[in-house]
């Protein structure tokens, strides 16, 4: 049950992170930077009135990203703690087995 929740939350988190990056990149710039030197324009991709929508979208995506980050951290801390320790013990045992052969 928790594995399904964790996997779906990871996929959702990845999708939100991609949308967050895109919403930041599509926002209009405050000043004309290097983009205008090389033929770029300062017009917005979605039109002149989209800055308010993109700002709100970026804020909401940031809140969702932060929340899913905390949820994933809690899930890994609460349910995968033994798994991480067991993996570390296995790697140490494998290193000891290899060192004994030499």
N, C-alpha and C. Protein backbone atom coordinates (compact mmCIF):
# COMPACT_ATOMS: atom_id res chain seq x y z
N UNK A 1 0.82 -1.19 0.00
CA UNK A 1 0.00 0.00 0.00
C UNK A 1 0.87 1.26 0.00
N UNK A 2 1.84 1.31 0.90
CA UNK A 2 2.68 2.51 0.99
C UNK A 2 3.59 2.64 -0.23
N UNK A 3 3.96 1.51 -0.82
CA UNK A 3 4.79 1.56 -2.02
C UNK A 3 4.03 2.20 -3.18
N UNK A 4 2.75 1.91 -3.31
CA UNK A 4 1.93 2.51 -4.36
C UNK A 4 1.80 4.01 -4.15
N UNK A 5 1.57 4.39 -2.91
CA UNK A 5 1.46 5.82 -2.60
C UNK A 5 2.78 6.52 -2.87
N UNK A 6 3.87 5.88 -2.47
CA UNK A 6 5.19 6.49 -2.67
C UNK A 6 5.51 6.63 -4.16
N UNK A 7 5.23 5.59 -4.94
CA UNK A 7 5.52 5.65 -6.37
C UNK A 7 4.66 6.70 -7.07
N UNK A 8 3.39 6.77 -6.73
CA UNK A 8 2.53 7.76 -7.37
C UNK A 8 2.91 9.18 -6.93
N UNK A 9 3.33 9.34 -5.70
CA UNK A 9 3.76 10.65 -5.23
C UNK A 9 5.06 11.09 -5.90
N UNK A 10 5.95 10.15 -6.17
CA UNK A 10 7.19 10.48 -6.88
C UNK A 10 6.88 10.93 -8.30
N UNK A 11 5.97 10.23 -8.97
CA UNK A 11 5.60 10.61 -10.34
C UNK A 11 4.92 11.99 -10.34
N UNK A 12 4.01 12.21 -9.39
CA UNK A 12 3.34 13.50 -9.28
C UNK A 12 4.34 14.62 -8.98
N UNK A 13 5.30 14.34 -8.10
CA UNK A 13 6.33 15.32 -7.73
C UNK A 13 7.19 15.68 -8.95
N UNK A 14 7.54 14.69 -9.74
CA UNK A 14 8.33 14.95 -10.95
C UNK A 14 7.54 15.81 -11.94
N UNK A 15 6.27 15.52 -12.10
CA UNK A 15 5.43 16.32 -12.99
C UNK A 15 5.30 17.76 -12.53
N UNK A 16 5.11 17.94 -11.23
CA UNK A 16 5.00 19.29 -10.68
C UNK A 16 6.32 20.04 -10.85
N UNK A 17 7.43 19.34 -10.68
CA UNK A 17 8.73 20.02 -10.82
C UNK A 17 8.95 20.48 -12.25
N UNK A 18 8.55 19.68 -13.22
CA UNK A 18 8.69 20.09 -14.63
C UNK A 18 7.78 21.28 -14.92
N UNK A 19 6.55 21.24 -14.44
CA UNK A 19 5.64 22.37 -14.65
C UNK A 19 6.13 23.63 -13.94
N UNK A 20 6.74 23.46 -12.78
CA UNK A 20 7.28 24.62 -12.06
C UNK A 20 8.42 25.27 -12.83
N UNK A 21 9.30 24.46 -13.37
CA UNK A 21 10.40 25.01 -14.18
C UNK A 21 9.86 25.72 -15.41
N UNK A 22 8.89 25.11 -16.07
CA UNK A 22 8.32 25.74 -17.27
C UNK A 22 7.58 27.03 -16.93
N UNK A 23 6.87 27.07 -15.82
CA UNK A 23 6.16 28.29 -15.46
C UNK A 23 7.12 29.42 -15.12
N UNK A 24 8.26 29.09 -14.56
CA UNK A 24 9.26 30.12 -14.28
C UNK A 24 9.89 30.62 -15.58
N UNK A 25 10.17 29.69 -16.50
CA UNK A 25 10.81 30.08 -17.75
C UNK A 25 9.89 30.89 -18.66
N UNK A 26 8.59 30.66 -18.59
CA UNK A 26 7.66 31.38 -19.47
C UNK A 26 7.26 32.75 -18.95
N UNK A 27 7.68 33.10 -17.76
CA UNK A 27 7.31 34.41 -17.23
C UNK A 27 8.08 35.50 -17.97
N UNK A 28 7.41 36.62 -18.19
CA UNK A 28 8.11 37.72 -18.88
C UNK A 28 9.19 38.31 -18.00
N UNK A 29 10.25 38.76 -18.64
CA UNK A 29 11.36 39.33 -17.88
C UNK A 29 11.03 40.77 -17.47
N UNK A 30 11.64 41.22 -16.41
CA UNK A 30 11.43 42.59 -15.94
C UNK A 30 12.17 43.60 -16.82
N UNK A 31 13.34 43.19 -17.30
CA UNK A 31 14.13 44.08 -18.16
C UNK A 31 14.57 43.31 -19.39
N UNK A 32 15.04 44.03 -20.37
CA UNK A 32 15.59 43.38 -21.56
C UNK A 32 17.03 43.01 -21.27
N UNK A 33 17.30 41.72 -21.20
CA UNK A 33 18.65 41.25 -20.89
C UNK A 33 19.36 40.86 -22.18
N UNK A 34 20.15 39.83 -22.13
CA UNK A 34 20.91 39.37 -23.27
C UNK A 34 20.01 38.84 -24.38
N UNK A 35 18.80 38.43 -24.06
CA UNK A 35 17.89 37.89 -25.06
C UNK A 35 17.56 38.91 -26.14
N UNK A 36 17.45 40.17 -25.77
CA UNK A 36 17.12 41.19 -26.77
C UNK A 36 18.32 41.51 -27.66
N UNK A 37 19.53 41.25 -27.18
CA UNK A 37 20.71 41.51 -28.00
C UNK A 37 20.78 40.56 -29.19
N UNK A 38 20.30 39.34 -29.01
CA UNK A 38 20.42 38.34 -30.05
C UNK A 38 19.13 38.15 -30.82
N UNK A 39 18.26 39.13 -30.83
CA UNK A 39 17.06 39.07 -31.64
C UNK A 39 15.83 38.62 -30.89
N UNK A 40 15.94 38.33 -29.62
CA UNK A 40 14.77 37.94 -28.85
C UNK A 40 13.92 39.14 -28.50
N UNK A 41 12.66 38.91 -28.22
CA UNK A 41 11.81 40.03 -27.85
C UNK A 41 11.41 39.88 -26.39
N UNK A 42 10.93 40.94 -25.83
CA UNK A 42 10.53 40.90 -24.42
C UNK A 42 9.05 40.57 -24.27
N UNK A 43 8.36 40.22 -25.36
CA UNK A 43 6.95 39.86 -25.28
C UNK A 43 6.79 38.52 -24.60
N UNK A 44 5.68 38.36 -23.95
CA UNK A 44 5.38 37.11 -23.27
C UNK A 44 4.93 36.07 -24.27
N UNK A 45 5.16 34.82 -23.97
CA UNK A 45 4.76 33.73 -24.86
C UNK A 45 3.25 33.62 -24.93
N UNK A 46 2.56 33.86 -23.83
CA UNK A 46 1.11 33.68 -23.77
C UNK A 46 0.33 34.97 -23.94
N UNK A 47 0.96 36.04 -24.30
CA UNK A 47 0.27 37.31 -24.47
C UNK A 47 0.65 38.29 -23.38
N UNK A 48 0.11 39.50 -23.48
CA UNK A 48 0.51 40.56 -22.56
C UNK A 48 -0.13 40.43 -21.18
N UNK A 49 -1.28 39.78 -21.08
CA UNK A 49 -2.00 39.73 -19.81
C UNK A 49 -1.77 38.44 -19.04
N UNK A 50 -0.77 37.66 -19.42
CA UNK A 50 -0.57 36.36 -18.80
C UNK A 50 0.34 36.39 -17.58
N UNK A 51 0.93 37.53 -17.26
CA UNK A 51 1.89 37.56 -16.17
C UNK A 51 1.22 37.28 -14.82
N UNK A 52 0.02 37.77 -14.63
CA UNK A 52 -0.69 37.52 -13.38
C UNK A 52 -1.01 36.03 -13.22
N UNK A 53 -1.47 35.40 -14.30
CA UNK A 53 -1.78 33.97 -14.26
C UNK A 53 -0.52 33.15 -14.01
N UNK A 54 0.59 33.50 -14.68
CA UNK A 54 1.83 32.75 -14.49
C UNK A 54 2.40 32.93 -13.09
N UNK A 55 2.24 34.10 -12.51
CA UNK A 55 2.72 34.32 -11.14
C UNK A 55 1.92 33.46 -10.16
N UNK A 56 0.60 33.46 -10.33
CA UNK A 56 -0.24 32.64 -9.45
C UNK A 56 0.06 31.16 -9.64
N UNK A 57 0.23 30.74 -10.91
CA UNK A 57 0.54 29.34 -11.19
C UNK A 57 1.88 28.94 -10.57
N UNK A 58 2.87 29.81 -10.66
CA UNK A 58 4.18 29.53 -10.09
C UNK A 58 4.10 29.42 -8.57
N UNK A 59 3.33 30.29 -7.95
CA UNK A 59 3.18 30.24 -6.49
C UNK A 59 2.52 28.93 -6.08
N UNK A 60 1.44 28.56 -6.76
CA UNK A 60 0.75 27.32 -6.40
C UNK A 60 1.59 26.09 -6.68
N UNK A 61 2.30 26.09 -7.79
CA UNK A 61 3.18 24.95 -8.08
C UNK A 61 4.31 24.87 -7.06
N UNK A 62 4.81 26.01 -6.60
CA UNK A 62 5.85 26.01 -5.57
C UNK A 62 5.33 25.45 -4.26
N UNK A 63 4.10 25.81 -3.89
CA UNK A 63 3.50 25.28 -2.66
C UNK A 63 3.30 23.78 -2.78
N UNK A 64 2.80 23.32 -3.92
CA UNK A 64 2.59 21.89 -4.14
C UNK A 64 3.92 21.15 -4.13
N UNK A 65 4.95 21.72 -4.76
CA UNK A 65 6.27 21.11 -4.79
C UNK A 65 6.84 20.97 -3.38
N UNK A 66 6.70 22.02 -2.59
CA UNK A 66 7.19 21.99 -1.21
C UNK A 66 6.45 20.95 -0.39
N UNK A 67 5.13 20.88 -0.55
CA UNK A 67 4.32 19.92 0.19
C UNK A 67 4.66 18.49 -0.18
N UNK A 68 4.81 18.22 -1.47
CA UNK A 68 5.14 16.85 -1.88
C UNK A 68 6.57 16.49 -1.46
N UNK A 69 7.46 17.46 -1.41
CA UNK A 69 8.81 17.20 -0.92
C UNK A 69 8.78 16.79 0.54
N UNK A 70 8.01 17.51 1.34
CA UNK A 70 7.88 17.15 2.75
C UNK A 70 7.22 15.79 2.92
N UNK A 71 6.19 15.50 2.13
CA UNK A 71 5.50 14.22 2.22
C UNK A 71 6.44 13.07 1.85
N UNK A 72 7.20 13.24 0.78
CA UNK A 72 8.15 12.20 0.39
C UNK A 72 9.24 12.01 1.44
N UNK A 73 9.71 13.10 2.00
CA UNK A 73 10.70 13.00 3.07
C UNK A 73 10.16 12.27 4.27
N UNK A 74 8.92 12.56 4.64
CA UNK A 74 8.30 11.88 5.77
C UNK A 74 8.12 10.39 5.48
N UNK A 75 7.68 10.06 4.27
CA UNK A 75 7.47 8.65 3.91
C UNK A 75 8.79 7.89 3.96
N UNK A 76 9.84 8.47 3.38
CA UNK A 76 11.13 7.79 3.39
C UNK A 76 11.69 7.68 4.80
N UNK A 77 11.48 8.68 5.62
CA UNK A 77 11.99 8.63 6.99
C UNK A 77 11.22 7.63 7.83
N UNK A 78 9.91 7.58 7.64
CA UNK A 78 9.06 6.73 8.48
C UNK A 78 9.09 5.27 8.05
N UNK A 79 9.02 5.01 6.74
CA UNK A 79 8.82 3.64 6.28
C UNK A 79 10.05 2.99 5.65
N UNK A 80 10.99 3.75 5.16
CA UNK A 80 12.15 3.16 4.48
C UNK A 80 13.42 3.25 5.30
N UNK A 81 13.33 3.55 6.56
CA UNK A 81 14.52 3.69 7.39
C UNK A 81 15.25 2.36 7.52
N UNK A 82 14.51 1.28 7.76
CA UNK A 82 15.13 -0.03 7.90
C UNK A 82 15.74 -0.49 6.59
N UNK A 83 15.08 -0.17 5.49
CA UNK A 83 15.58 -0.60 4.19
C UNK A 83 16.92 0.06 3.89
N UNK A 84 17.05 1.33 4.20
CA UNK A 84 18.29 2.05 3.95
C UNK A 84 19.41 1.48 4.81
N UNK A 85 19.11 1.20 6.07
CA UNK A 85 20.12 0.64 6.97
C UNK A 85 20.52 -0.76 6.51
N UNK A 86 19.54 -1.57 6.10
CA UNK A 86 19.84 -2.91 5.62
C UNK A 86 20.71 -2.87 4.35
N UNK A 87 20.43 -1.93 3.45
CA UNK A 87 21.25 -1.81 2.24
C UNK A 87 22.68 -1.41 2.61
N UNK A 88 22.82 -0.54 3.57
CA UNK A 88 24.16 -0.11 4.00
C UNK A 88 24.93 -1.28 4.62
N UNK A 89 24.23 -2.09 5.43
CA UNK A 89 24.87 -3.25 6.04
C UNK A 89 25.30 -4.24 4.96
N UNK A 90 24.45 -4.46 3.95
CA UNK A 90 24.79 -5.38 2.87
C UNK A 90 26.00 -4.91 2.09
N UNK A 91 26.09 -3.60 1.83
CA UNK A 91 27.25 -3.10 1.09
C UNK A 91 28.51 -3.24 1.92
N UNK A 92 28.41 -3.01 3.23
CA UNK A 92 29.58 -3.19 4.10
C UNK A 92 30.00 -4.66 4.16
N UNK A 93 29.02 -5.57 4.20
CA UNK A 93 29.35 -7.00 4.19
C UNK A 93 30.01 -7.40 2.88
N UNK A 94 29.51 -6.88 1.78
CA UNK A 94 30.11 -7.19 0.48
C UNK A 94 31.54 -6.65 0.40
N UNK A 95 31.78 -5.49 0.98
CA UNK A 95 33.13 -4.93 0.98
C UNK A 95 34.06 -5.78 1.84
N UNK A 96 33.57 -6.29 2.93
CA UNK A 96 34.39 -7.14 3.80
C UNK A 96 34.69 -8.46 3.12
N UNK A 97 33.71 -9.02 2.37
CA UNK A 97 33.94 -10.27 1.67
C UNK A 97 35.01 -10.10 0.59
N UNK A 98 34.95 -8.97 -0.10
CA UNK A 98 35.94 -8.71 -1.14
C UNK A 98 37.32 -8.50 -0.52
N UNK A 99 37.40 -7.83 0.62
CA UNK A 99 38.70 -7.59 1.25
C UNK A 99 39.28 -8.88 1.84
N UNK A 100 38.44 -9.83 2.23
CA UNK A 100 38.94 -11.09 2.76
C UNK A 100 39.55 -11.94 1.67
N UNK A 101 39.09 -11.81 0.45
CA UNK A 101 39.62 -12.60 -0.66
C UNK A 101 41.03 -12.16 -1.01
N UNK A 102 41.30 -10.87 -0.90
CA UNK A 102 42.63 -10.36 -1.26
C UNK A 102 43.70 -10.82 -0.36
